[in-house]
Amino acid sequence: MYKVLLVFKDENISKKIKRMNIWGENSEFEISAVAKDGAAAYDEVRKQHYDLAVMQTDIDGMDGLQLLRRNTQLYRTARRQS
């Protein structure tokens, strides 16, 4: 299964996306975590590897593009250390 991180500041949107039949046994994608802002999402990424992030770009704390840049830096640093 591919691990998916959802990042939406509106909890109702996250719930609707989680209810879609494109996750779990209907595919190889599983929602592993949900975050409401950039800081929480970054903490999740530091804890475990995700194969896909589905997020809005105007999340609180940092926008989606900033989060993507920080995740890329984190990934590159981890690759250099291994």
Protein backbone atom coordinates (compact mmCIF):
# COMPACT_ATOMS: atom_id res chain seq x y z
CA MET A 1 0.00 0.00 0.00
CA TYR A 2 1.08 3.54 -0.73
CA LYS A 3 0.88 5.88 2.25
CA VAL A 4 -1.05 9.13 1.74
CA LEU A 5 -0.93 12.29 3.86
CA LEU A 6 -3.93 14.64 3.67
CA VAL A 7 -3.36 18.30 4.54
CA PHE A 8 -6.47 20.50 4.64
CA LYS A 9 -7.32 23.21 7.15
CA ASP A 10 -11.03 22.41 6.82
CA GLU A 11 -11.74 19.13 8.60
CA ASN A 12 -14.93 18.63 6.56
CA ILE A 13 -12.93 18.52 3.34
CA SER A 14 -10.57 15.93 4.81
CA LYS A 15 -13.55 13.82 5.89
CA LYS A 16 -15.10 13.99 2.40
CA ILE A 17 -11.84 12.99 0.77
CA LYS A 18 -11.39 10.10 3.21
CA ARG A 19 -14.88 8.80 2.34
CA MET A 20 -14.09 8.62 -1.37
CA ASN A 21 -13.89 5.06 -2.66
CA ILE A 22 -10.43 5.53 -4.16
CA TRP A 23 -8.62 4.52 -0.96
CA GLY A 24 -7.87 1.23 0.75
CA GLU A 25 -9.13 -1.99 -0.73
CA ASN A 26 -10.30 -0.20 -3.90
CA SER A 27 -6.72 0.81 -4.73
CA GLU A 28 -3.20 0.59 -3.43
CA PHE A 29 -3.49 3.95 -1.62
CA GLU A 30 -4.19 4.26 2.09
CA ILE A 31 -4.68 7.50 4.02
CA SER A 32 -2.14 7.16 6.82
CA ALA A 33 -2.44 10.60 8.42
CA VAL A 34 -4.37 13.86 8.30
CA ALA A 35 -2.92 17.27 9.21
CA LYS A 36 -4.70 20.62 9.53
CA ASP A 37 -1.73 22.94 8.94
CA GLY A 38 1.78 23.06 7.55
CA ALA A 39 3.56 22.55 10.86
CA ALA A 40 1.54 19.44 11.69
CA ALA A 41 2.10 18.08 8.19
CA TYR A 42 5.85 18.65 8.45
CA ASP A 43 5.89 16.84 11.81
CA GLU A 44 4.12 13.88 10.18
CA VAL A 45 6.63 13.77 7.33
CA ARG A 46 9.50 13.77 9.82
CA LYS A 47 7.95 10.74 11.59
CA GLN A 48 7.39 8.54 8.57
CA HIS A 49 7.69 8.34 4.80
CA TYR A 50 4.66 9.18 2.66
CA ASP A 51 4.30 8.26 -0.97
CA LEU A 52 1.74 10.96 -1.73
CA ALA A 53 0.52 14.18 -0.14
CA VAL A 54 -2.88 15.59 -1.08
CA MET A 55 -3.09 19.14 0.19
CA GLN A 56 -4.44 22.58 -0.38
CA THR A 57 -1.91 25.26 -1.12
CA ASP A 58 -3.12 27.89 1.35
CA ILE A 59 -2.76 25.95 4.60
CA ASP A 60 -1.99 27.72 7.88
CA GLY A 61 1.55 27.99 9.21
CA MET A 62 3.19 27.64 5.81
CA ASP A 63 1.73 27.31 2.36
CA GLY A 64 1.74 24.05 0.44
CA LEU A 65 4.71 25.07 -1.69
CA GLN A 66 6.80 25.92 1.37
CA LEU A 67 5.89 22.56 2.85
CA LEU A 68 6.92 20.84 -0.37
CA ARG A 69 10.30 22.64 -0.33
CA ARG A 70 10.94 21.68 3.31
CA ASN A 71 10.00 18.06 2.61
CA THR A 72 12.36 18.00 -0.37
CA GLN A 73 15.20 19.32 1.80
CA LEU A 74 14.42 16.75 4.48
CA TYR A 75 14.43 13.94 1.90
CA ARG A 76 17.72 15.07 0.34
CA THR A 77 19.38 15.32 3.75
CA ALA A 78 18.19 11.83 4.67
CA ARG A 79 19.51 10.40 1.38
CA ARG A 80 22.94 11.98 1.94
CA GLN A 81 23.17 10.50 5.42
CA SER A 82 22.36 6.97 4.28
